C-alpha cells in the first residue's frame, strides 16, 4: 500500500518510494530505469551513436566486400566470354596453321605395305570410293576433313621423267559448317601443278598440258614446298581413276584427328575398323604433336589471362579485407573505450544518488540491473540503427542492391548480441565499483 511519495528533485529525477505493511522499502525499478534515460538523454544518445557507427562500419564493410566479389565474378565471366570468342578466332588460326602442316592421319588397305607405298608412290591394294563414303556417313567423332585420294607414279612424255598423279575430288566430310576445306577441290578436266613441274614445263595458269591421251587446263601452280608434292600433278579423282584404269579405287583417306587423340592411334584404328573392317591407320606423329601443341598453347594463353585477373583481384580483395578487418577492430575498440568512458562518467556523476539509494534500502543487485538494462537497451538501439544505416548506404552507393537481398535477420541478431555483450561489460565494471562502495564514505565526499 502506498503511504508516501518523497520527491528528491536534487537527485536529478523523482524517486518513487513505496512501503509495504512490514515497513520495508520497495523501489519501482522500471520508473528508475526510464527516469535514468530521460534525465541522462545526452549520454544515452552518444552511446547509441557510438554503437551505431561501429556496427555501421562492420556491416557496410561486409556488404562492400560482397559487392567486390560480385564484381570480380562478373569481370571473370565477361573475360571468359571474351576468351571464348578469342579462342574461336584462334582456333580458326590454328586450323589454318594446321593446314600448313597437312593431314596427320592416313587410312589405307590393311594388306598394303605402307613402306612400299611411300617408296614406290603406288598401291598394291586399294580401298574403294564406297569405303570412303561409308566412313563419311559414320561421322566418326575422332576424325575431321576426310579426303579420299588416289596416288600413282607415271611417266610424263612432255617432261621426259616420272611424275606423281594425285587424284582428289574434295573433302567428303567436314565436321563444322564454318570450317573451310583443308584441300581445294579439283574439277574434272582441270589440274594443279607442283612447283617443279610448272617450272620445268614453263607452264602457268590457263595453259594446257597433255597427260596420257587427254588434254587438261592448268588452274593453279603450287608454291615450292621442298617435298614430293613439288613433282605432283593434282587432278580430279574421277579423272585419275580413268587415267590409271583404277575405277572406284583409292589409295587411301587422309584426315585430321581430334586434339584428344594425338598419340592414340589404336583408338582411331578400332573406331575406323567398325566401318571399314580391312582398314589400317597410321599417324604422322610430328604433325599431330605440332597441332596439339599449337592448340594447347592457345588454350593455355586464355587460361593464363583469366588466372592473372583472378590472382590480381584476389590479392586486391585480400588487402581490402585485411584493411577492413583492422579498421573494424579499431572501431570496436574505440567504441568499447567510448562506452566505458560514458558509463564511467555517468556512474561518477551519480555516485551520490547511488549511495542514497543504497541508504534507502535499494539492493546492490537492483542498482547493477538498472545499469545493465540501460546498456542493453542502448546497445540494441545502436545496433539496429547501424545495421539499417549500412543497408541504406549500400543501396545508395551500389547499383542493383535491394533491401530484400541485403537484409539478414541472423546476421542482425549476431550483431546486436555482440554489441550487447560489449556494452554490458563496459557498463558493469564502473557500476559494480560504485554499487559496492560504502554509502557513508561516498556521501561524505564532495560532489
Protein backbone atom coordinates (compact mmCIF):
# COMPACT_ATOMS: atom_id res chain seq x y z
CA UNK A 1 0.00 0.00 0.00
CA UNK A 2 1.40 3.39 -0.98
CA UNK A 3 1.72 5.72 2.01
CA UNK A 4 4.22 8.34 0.87
CA UNK A 5 5.82 9.77 -2.26
CA UNK A 6 9.06 11.53 -1.49
CA UNK A 7 10.25 13.99 -4.15
CA UNK A 8 14.00 14.30 -4.39
CA UNK A 9 14.48 16.76 -7.23
CA UNK A 10 18.05 17.48 -6.32
CA UNK A 11 18.96 13.96 -7.41
CA UNK A 12 18.12 14.81 -11.00
CA UNK A 13 14.77 12.98 -11.17
CA UNK A 14 11.88 11.83 -8.95
CA UNK A 15 12.29 8.65 -6.91
CA UNK A 16 9.07 6.81 -6.22
CA UNK A 17 9.38 5.09 -2.82
CA UNK A 18 6.84 2.61 -1.51
CA UNK A 19 6.44 0.91 1.87
CA UNK A 20 4.73 -2.40 2.44
CA UNK A 21 2.89 -3.28 5.64
CA UNK A 22 6.09 -4.54 7.26
CA UNK A 23 7.83 -1.21 6.64
CA UNK A 24 10.31 -2.49 4.04
CA UNK A 25 11.26 -0.02 1.29
CA UNK A 26 10.30 -1.20 -2.20
CA UNK A 27 11.58 0.70 -5.28
CA UNK A 28 9.76 0.93 -8.64
CA UNK A 29 12.64 -0.39 -10.79
CA UNK A 30 11.08 0.44 -14.19
CA UNK A 31 10.42 4.01 -13.09
CA UNK A 32 14.05 4.34 -12.02
CA UNK A 33 15.20 2.83 -15.30
CA UNK A 34 13.23 5.14 -17.60
CA UNK A 35 13.87 8.21 -15.47
CA UNK A 36 17.59 7.48 -15.78
CA UNK A 37 17.31 7.53 -19.59
CA UNK A 38 15.04 10.61 -19.55
CA UNK A 39 17.30 12.77 -17.41
CA UNK A 40 20.57 11.47 -18.92
CA UNK A 41 19.45 11.51 -22.56
CA UNK A 42 22.61 13.19 -23.94
CA UNK A 43 24.88 10.45 -22.65
CA UNK A 44 22.42 7.82 -23.88
CA UNK A 45 22.37 9.39 -27.35
CA UNK A 46 26.18 9.34 -27.52
CA UNK A 47 26.17 5.67 -26.51
CA UNK A 48 23.61 4.79 -29.21
CA UNK A 49 25.60 6.68 -31.85
CA UNK A 50 28.87 5.04 -30.76
CA UNK A 51 27.38 1.54 -31.12
CA UNK A 52 25.61 2.52 -34.35
CA UNK A 53 28.76 3.87 -36.02
CA UNK A 54 30.73 0.78 -35.02
CA UNK A 55 28.16 -1.66 -36.38
CA UNK A 56 27.62 0.52 -39.46
CA UNK A 57 31.34 0.16 -40.21
CA UNK A 58 31.35 -3.61 -39.70
CA UNK A 59 28.15 -4.19 -41.72
CA UNK A 60 28.95 -1.85 -44.61
CA UNK A 61 32.41 -3.37 -44.91
CA UNK A 62 30.81 -6.81 -45.22
CA UNK A 63 28.44 -5.60 -47.94
CA UNK A 64 31.15 -3.78 -49.90
CA UNK A 65 33.40 -6.86 -49.84
CA UNK A 66 30.45 -8.96 -51.06
CA UNK A 67 29.90 -6.45 -53.88
CA UNK A 68 33.62 -6.61 -54.71
CA UNK A 69 33.33 -10.40 -55.00
CA UNK A 70 30.28 -9.98 -57.21
CA UNK A 71 32.13 -7.53 -59.47
CA UNK A 72 35.10 -9.90 -59.61
CA UNK A 73 32.87 -12.77 -60.70
CA UNK A 74 31.18 -10.53 -63.27
CA UNK A 75 34.55 -9.45 -64.71
CA UNK A 76 35.74 -13.04 -64.82
CA UNK A 77 32.53 -14.10 -66.63
CA UNK A 78 32.97 -11.30 -69.17
CA UNK A 79 36.61 -12.22 -69.62
CA UNK A 80 35.71 -15.87 -70.07
CA UNK A 81 33.19 -14.89 -72.74
CA UNK A 82 35.80 -12.73 -74.49
CA UNK A 83 38.33 -15.53 -74.13
CA UNK A 84 35.85 -17.96 -75.66
CA UNK A 85 35.33 -15.65 -78.63
CA UNK A 86 39.07 -15.15 -78.89
CA UNK A 87 39.57 -18.90 -78.66
CA UNK A 88 37.17 -19.40 -81.57
CA UNK A 89 39.19 -16.94 -83.65
CA UNK A 90 42.47 -18.51 -82.57
CA UNK A 91 41.07 -21.97 -83.27
CA UNK A 92 40.44 -20.84 -86.83
CA UNK A 93 44.00 -19.51 -86.99
CA UNK A 94 45.22 -22.81 -85.56
CA UNK A 95 43.24 -24.62 -88.22
CA UNK A 96 44.95 -22.51 -90.89
CA UNK A 97 48.27 -23.31 -89.25
CA UNK A 98 47.31 -26.98 -89.18
CA UNK A 99 46.59 -26.78 -92.88
CA UNK A 100 50.19 -25.76 -93.46
CA UNK A 101 51.19 -28.88 -91.56
CA UNK A 102 48.92 -31.06 -93.67
CA UNK A 103 46.80 -34.05 -92.73
CA UNK A 104 48.06 -36.19 -89.87
CA UNK A 105 46.04 -39.41 -90.35
CA UNK A 106 46.39 -41.88 -93.24
CA UNK A 107 43.79 -44.66 -93.64
CA UNK A 108 44.64 -47.40 -96.15
CA UNK A 109 44.05 -51.06 -97.00
CA UNK A 110 45.32 -53.39 -94.29
CA UNK A 111 47.02 -55.57 -96.97
CA UNK A 112 49.02 -52.66 -98.29
CA UNK A 113 52.60 -52.33 -97.04
CA UNK A 114 52.88 -48.71 -96.09
CA UNK A 115 56.66 -48.64 -96.73
CA UNK A 116 56.09 -49.79 -100.33
CA UNK A 117 53.56 -47.04 -100.83
CA UNK A 118 55.98 -44.38 -99.60
CA UNK A 119 58.89 -45.71 -101.69
CA UNK A 120 57.06 -46.55 -104.92
CA UNK A 121 54.24 -43.99 -104.73
CA UNK A 122 51.70 -46.58 -105.82
CA UNK A 123 49.45 -49.19 -104.23
CA UNK A 124 49.27 -52.94 -104.44
CA UNK A 125 45.98 -53.00 -102.52
CA UNK A 126 43.28 -50.34 -102.52
CA UNK A 127 40.28 -49.05 -100.66
CA UNK A 128 37.17 -48.03 -102.62
CA UNK A 129 35.01 -44.96 -103.04
CA UNK A 130 32.30 -46.82 -101.16
CA UNK A 131 34.62 -47.29 -98.16
CA UNK A 132 35.27 -43.55 -98.04
CA UNK A 133 31.58 -42.68 -98.35
CA UNK A 134 30.62 -45.07 -95.55
CA UNK A 135 33.24 -43.55 -93.27
CA UNK A 136 31.95 -40.06 -94.07
CA UNK A 137 28.36 -41.09 -93.26
CA UNK A 138 29.52 -42.65 -89.97
CA UNK A 139 30.71 -39.19 -88.84
CA UNK A 140 33.43 -40.62 -86.64
CA UNK A 141 33.90 -38.06 -83.82
CA UNK A 142 37.66 -38.64 -83.71
CA UNK A 143 38.20 -37.58 -87.35
CA UNK A 144 37.64 -34.50 -89.45
CA UNK A 145 38.36 -33.31 -93.02
CA UNK A 146 38.12 -36.71 -94.74
CA UNK A 147 39.85 -36.63 -98.13
CA UNK A 148 39.85 -39.76 -100.33
CA UNK A 149 42.73 -39.75 -102.81
CA UNK A 150 44.47 -41.85 -105.44
CA UNK A 151 48.23 -41.52 -105.80
CA UNK A 152 50.24 -43.24 -108.54
CA UNK A 153 53.55 -42.66 -110.33
CA UNK A 154 53.54 -42.40 -114.17
CA UNK A 155 55.90 -41.32 -116.93
CA UNK A 156 55.11 -37.89 -118.40
CA UNK A 157 56.29 -37.58 -122.04
CA UNK A 158 56.38 -33.79 -122.11
CA UNK A 159 58.65 -33.78 -119.07
CA UNK A 160 60.63 -36.86 -120.01
CA UNK A 161 60.53 -38.01 -116.41
CA UNK A 162 58.33 -39.66 -113.79
CA UNK A 163 55.68 -37.61 -112.01
CA UNK A 164 53.13 -38.46 -109.35
CA UNK A 165 49.45 -38.27 -110.16
CA UNK A 166 47.31 -37.36 -107.17
CA UNK A 167 43.59 -37.69 -107.73
CA UNK A 168 41.50 -35.61 -105.29
CA UNK A 169 37.88 -34.66 -105.66
CA UNK A 170 37.45 -32.73 -102.42
CA UNK A 171 36.81 -33.38 -98.77
CA UNK A 172 33.72 -35.52 -98.25
CA UNK A 173 33.25 -34.78 -94.54
CA UNK A 174 33.88 -31.60 -92.56
CA UNK A 175 32.56 -31.64 -89.00
CA UNK A 176 31.63 -27.96 -88.58
CA UNK A 177 29.89 -25.87 -91.19
CA UNK A 178 32.08 -22.80 -90.65
CA UNK A 179 35.31 -24.75 -91.25
CA UNK A 180 36.90 -24.38 -94.64
CA UNK A 181 38.36 -27.35 -96.56
CA UNK A 182 41.99 -28.19 -95.97
CA UNK A 183 42.46 -29.11 -99.62
CA UNK A 184 40.81 -27.32 -102.54
CA UNK A 185 38.54 -29.27 -104.87
CA UNK A 186 39.82 -30.08 -108.36
CA UNK A 187 37.15 -30.11 -111.04
CA UNK A 188 37.09 -32.61 -113.94
CA UNK A 189 39.32 -31.56 -116.81
CA UNK A 190 41.49 -29.36 -114.59
CA UNK A 191 44.90 -29.89 -112.99
CA UNK A 192 47.10 -28.20 -110.41
CA UNK A 193 50.84 -28.46 -110.86
CA UNK A 194 53.57 -28.88 -108.29
CA UNK A 195 56.21 -26.14 -108.34
CA UNK A 196 58.96 -28.23 -110.02
CA UNK A 197 56.72 -29.47 -112.85
CA UNK A 198 55.34 -25.98 -113.57
CA UNK A 199 58.86 -24.55 -113.65
CA UNK A 200 60.39 -27.23 -115.87
CA UNK A 201 57.50 -27.18 -118.36
CA UNK A 202 57.21 -23.37 -118.23
CA UNK A 203 53.52 -23.63 -117.57
CA UNK A 204 51.24 -21.10 -115.96
CA UNK A 205 47.56 -20.73 -115.16
CA UNK A 206 45.21 -21.36 -118.14
CA UNK A 207 47.92 -23.19 -120.09
CA UNK A 208 47.17 -26.71 -121.31
CA UNK A 209 49.04 -29.92 -120.61
CA UNK A 210 48.72 -33.35 -122.23
CA UNK A 211 48.56 -36.23 -119.76
CA UNK A 212 48.03 -39.62 -121.37
CA UNK A 213 45.55 -39.22 -124.17
CA UNK A 214 43.72 -36.24 -122.69
CA UNK A 215 44.41 -32.54 -122.51
CA UNK A 216 43.90 -30.67 -119.18
CA UNK A 217 43.75 -26.98 -118.22
CA UNK A 218 46.19 -25.70 -115.60
CA UNK A 219 44.15 -23.84 -112.96
CA UNK A 220 46.79 -23.43 -110.26
CA UNK A 221 50.57 -23.67 -109.82
CA UNK A 222 51.50 -24.51 -106.23
CA UNK A 223 54.27 -22.87 -104.24
CA UNK A 224 57.51 -24.85 -103.76
CA UNK A 225 57.43 -26.97 -100.60
CA UNK A 226 60.67 -28.93 -100.87
CA UNK A 227 58.71 -32.19 -100.72
CA UNK A 228 57.39 -34.77 -103.20
CA UNK A 229 54.39 -32.51 -103.71
CA UNK A 230 56.63 -30.38 -105.96
CA UNK A 231 56.55 -33.17 -108.60
CA UNK A 232 52.83 -33.96 -108.19
CA UNK A 233 50.07 -33.26 -110.67
CA UNK A 234 46.78 -32.84 -108.79
CA UNK A 235 43.68 -33.74 -110.78
CA UNK A 236 40.09 -34.74 -110.22
CA UNK A 237 39.76 -38.17 -108.55
CA UNK A 238 37.50 -39.49 -111.32
CA UNK A 239 39.94 -38.33 -113.99
CA UNK A 240 42.84 -40.01 -112.16
CA UNK A 241 40.92 -43.28 -111.81
CA UNK A 242 40.15 -43.22 -115.55
CA UNK A 243 43.73 -42.31 -116.48
CA UNK A 244 45.17 -45.09 -114.32
CA UNK A 245 42.40 -47.58 -115.18
CA UNK A 246 41.53 -47.93 -111.47
CA UNK A 247 37.81 -47.35 -111.46
CA UNK A 248 36.39 -46.67 -107.94
CA UNK A 249 39.80 -47.40 -106.40
CA UNK A 250 41.54 -45.08 -103.95
CA UNK A 251 44.98 -45.25 -102.33
CA UNK A 252 43.50 -44.23 -99.01
CA UNK A 253 41.85 -41.50 -96.99
CA UNK A 254 43.62 -38.55 -95.43
CA UNK A 255 42.15 -36.97 -92.29
CA UNK A 256 42.84 -34.86 -89.24
CA UNK A 257 42.40 -36.38 -85.80
CA UNK A 258 40.82 -34.50 -82.93
CA UNK A 259 43.21 -32.98 -80.42
CA UNK A 260 42.22 -35.51 -77.76
CA UNK A 261 43.62 -38.49 -79.69
CA UNK A 262 47.14 -37.29 -80.50
CA UNK A 263 49.40 -40.30 -79.96
CA UNK A 264 46.48 -42.71 -79.52
CA UNK A 265 46.34 -44.30 -82.98
CA UNK A 266 44.94 -47.56 -81.60
CA UNK A 267 41.72 -45.81 -80.59
CA UNK A 268 41.30 -44.31 -84.06
CA UNK A 269 42.15 -47.68 -85.64
CA UNK A 270 39.46 -49.51 -83.65
CA UNK A 271 36.90 -46.84 -84.45
CA UNK A 272 37.62 -46.82 -88.20
CA UNK A 273 37.56 -50.64 -88.42
CA UNK A 274 33.96 -50.65 -87.23
CA UNK A 275 33.10 -49.02 -90.59
CA UNK A 276 35.94 -50.31 -92.79
CA UNK A 277 36.99 -53.74 -91.41
CA UNK A 278 40.01 -54.06 -93.75
CA UNK A 279 41.42 -50.59 -92.92
CA UNK A 280 44.70 -49.75 -91.26
CA UNK A 281 45.65 -46.38 -89.75
CA UNK A 282 48.95 -44.55 -89.33
CA UNK A 283 49.58 -41.17 -87.79
CA UNK A 284 52.10 -38.59 -88.91
CA UNK A 285 53.33 -38.06 -85.35
CA UNK A 286 55.29 -34.85 -85.80
CA UNK A 287 52.35 -33.10 -87.43
CA UNK A 288 49.91 -34.35 -84.80
CA UNK A 289 52.09 -33.19 -81.94
CA UNK A 290 52.72 -29.82 -83.57
CA UNK A 291 48.96 -29.30 -84.00
CA UNK A 292 48.31 -30.40 -80.43
CA UNK A 293 50.97 -28.07 -79.06
CA UNK A 294 49.52 -25.15 -81.03
CA UNK A 295 46.02 -25.69 -79.65
CA UNK A 296 47.28 -26.23 -76.13
CA UNK A 297 49.31 -23.01 -76.34
CA UNK A 298 46.19 -21.10 -77.38
CA UNK A 299 44.14 -22.61 -74.57
CA UNK A 300 46.93 -22.02 -72.06
CA UNK A 301 47.20 -18.36 -73.06
CA UNK A 302 43.46 -17.84 -72.46
CA UNK A 303 43.58 -19.67 -69.11
CA UNK A 304 46.61 -17.68 -68.00
CA UNK A 305 44.87 -14.42 -68.84
CA UNK A 306 41.90 -15.38 -66.66
CA UNK A 307 44.22 -16.65 -63.92
CA UNK A 308 46.07 -13.31 -63.92
CA UNK A 309 42.81 -11.43 -63.42
CA UNK A 310 41.72 -13.81 -60.65
CA UNK A 311 45.11 -13.51 -58.93
CA UNK A 312 45.08 -9.73 -59.17
CA UNK A 313 41.52 -9.44 -57.87
CA UNK A 314 42.19 -11.97 -55.11
CA UNK A 315 45.26 -10.06 -53.94
CA UNK A 316 43.31 -6.82 -54.02
CA UNK A 317 40.44 -8.38 -52.06
CA UNK A 318 42.87 -9.78 -49.52
CA UNK A 319 44.29 -6.30 -48.93
CA UNK A 320 40.81 -4.78 -48.70
CA UNK A 321 39.70 -7.49 -46.30
CA UNK A 322 42.81 -7.02 -44.14
CA UNK A 323 42.32 -3.24 -44.08
CA UNK A 324 38.59 -3.62 -43.34
CA UNK A 325 39.29 -6.10 -40.56
CA UNK A 326 41.87 -3.84 -38.92
CA UNK A 327 39.61 -0.80 -39.32
CA UNK A 328 36.61 -2.69 -37.90
CA UNK A 329 38.64 -3.94 -34.92
CA UNK A 330 39.86 -0.41 -34.23
CA UNK A 331 36.29 0.87 -34.44
CA UNK A 332 35.08 -1.81 -31.99
CA UNK A 333 37.95 -1.00 -29.61
CA UNK A 334 37.26 2.73 -29.90
CA UNK A 335 33.55 2.15 -29.34
CA UNK A 336 34.24 -0.05 -26.31
CA UNK A 337 36.55 2.62 -24.86
CA UNK A 338 33.98 5.36 -25.55
CA UNK A 339 31.18 3.33 -23.95
CA UNK A 340 33.36 2.62 -20.93
CA UNK A 341 34.15 6.33 -20.65
CA UNK A 342 30.47 7.34 -20.97
CA UNK A 343 29.29 4.76 -18.45
CA UNK A 344 32.16 5.54 -16.04
CA UNK A 345 31.44 9.27 -16.27
CA UNK A 346 27.75 8.64 -15.73
CA UNK A 347 28.41 6.48 -12.66
CA UNK A 348 30.85 9.04 -11.26
CA UNK A 349 28.24 11.80 -11.59
CA UNK A 350 25.64 9.60 -9.91
CA UNK A 351 27.75 8.17 -7.12
CA UNK A 352 25.87 10.23 -4.50
CA UNK A 353 22.50 9.12 -5.94
CA UNK A 354 23.66 5.50 -5.84
CA UNK A 355 24.76 5.96 -2.23
CA UNK A 356 21.36 7.47 -1.28
CA UNK A 357 19.55 4.57 -2.99
CA UNK A 358 21.74 2.13 -1.06
CA UNK A 359 20.93 4.04 2.18
CA UNK A 360 17.23 3.87 1.43
CA UNK A 361 17.50 0.10 1.08
CA UNK A 362 17.84 -0.47 -2.65
CA UNK A 363 19.87 -3.63 -3.17
CA UNK A 364 23.21 -3.68 -4.97
CA UNK A 365 21.83 -6.18 -7.50
CA UNK A 366 18.95 -3.85 -8.38
CA UNK A 367 21.31 -0.92 -8.96
CA UNK A 368 23.55 -3.04 -11.19
CA UNK A 369 20.44 -4.33 -13.01
CA UNK A 370 19.39 -0.74 -13.82
CA UNK A 371 22.76 0.00 -15.44
CA UNK A 372 22.84 -3.37 -17.25
CA UNK A 373 19.31 -2.87 -18.60
CA UNK A 374 20.20 0.59 -19.77
CA UNK A 375 23.29 -0.69 -21.57
CA UNK A 376 21.26 -3.47 -23.26
CA UNK A 377 18.62 -1.03 -24.48
CA UNK A 378 21.18 1.44 -25.82
CA UNK A 379 23.28 -1.28 -27.50
CA UNK A 380 20.18 -2.82 -29.12
CA UNK A 381 19.01 0.55 -30.42
CA UNK A 382 22.50 1.42 -31.68
CA UNK A 383 22.94 -1.99 -33.32
CA UNK A 384 19.63 -1.79 -35.20
CA UNK A 385 20.35 1.81 -36.23
CA UNK A 386 23.85 0.93 -37.54
CA UNK A 387 22.62 -2.17 -39.38
CA UNK A 388 19.83 -0.42 -41.27
CA UNK A 389 22.00 2.63 -41.94
CA UNK A 390 24.56 0.30 -43.56
CA UNK A 391 21.83 -1.25 -45.74
CA UNK A 392 20.59 2.18 -46.86
CA UNK A 393 24.15 3.32 -47.63
CA UNK A 394 24.77 0.15 -49.64
CA UNK A 395 21.54 0.60 -51.63
CA UNK A 396 22.51 4.21 -52.36
CA UNK A 397 26.14 3.55 -53.29
CA UNK A 398 25.95 0.16 -55.02
CA UNK A 399 23.81 -0.10 -58.14
CA UNK A 400 21.40 -3.02 -58.18
CA UNK A 401 21.36 -3.56 -54.40
CA UNK A 402 17.95 -4.36 -52.90
CA UNK A 403 16.76 -4.35 -49.31
CA UNK A 404 15.34 -7.87 -49.55
CA UNK A 405 18.71 -9.35 -50.60
CA UNK A 406 20.74 -7.32 -48.08
CA UNK A 407 18.60 -7.90 -45.00
CA UNK A 408 19.78 -10.86 -42.95
CA UNK A 409 17.94 -11.44 -39.68
CA UNK A 410 20.51 -13.92 -38.37
CA UNK A 411 23.38 -11.51 -39.02
CA UNK A 412 21.44 -8.67 -37.33
CA UNK A 413 20.86 -10.85 -34.26
CA UNK A 414 24.57 -11.70 -34.05
CA UNK A 415 25.50 -8.01 -34.33
CA UNK A 416 23.02 -6.94 -31.63
CA UNK A 417 24.12 -9.71 -29.26
CA UNK A 418 27.79 -8.80 -29.78
CA UNK A 419 27.02 -5.11 -29.19
CA UNK A 420 25.09 -6.01 -26.03
CA UNK A 421 27.96 -8.08 -24.71
CA UNK A 422 30.46 -5.25 -25.23
CA UNK A 423 28.05 -2.66 -23.80
CA UNK A 424 27.23 -4.75 -20.70
CA UNK A 425 30.90 -5.32 -19.95
CA UNK A 426 31.61 -1.59 -20.40
CA UNK A 427 28.77 -0.62 -18.04
CA UNK A 428 29.06 -3.30 -15.37
CA UNK A 429 32.64 -2.58 -14.37
CA UNK A 430 32.05 1.04 -13.20
CA UNK A 431 28.53 0.19 -11.93
CA UNK A 432 29.76 -2.64 -9.74
CA UNK A 433 32.60 -0.49 -8.36
CA UNK A 434 30.14 2.26 -7.42
CA UNK A 435 27.43 -0.09 -6.10
CA UNK A 436 29.76 -1.92 -3.75
CA UNK A 437 31.32 1.21 -2.24
CA UNK A 438 30.31 2.16 1.30
CA UNK A 439 27.42 4.71 1.05
CA UNK A 440 28.66 6.58 4.14
CA UNK A 441 32.07 7.24 2.63
CA UNK A 442 30.55 8.32 -0.69
CA UNK A 443 28.07 10.75 0.94
CA UNK A 444 30.88 12.41 2.88
CA UNK A 445 32.77 13.10 -0.37
CA UNK A 446 32.38 16.45 -2.12
CA UNK A 447 30.38 16.36 -5.35
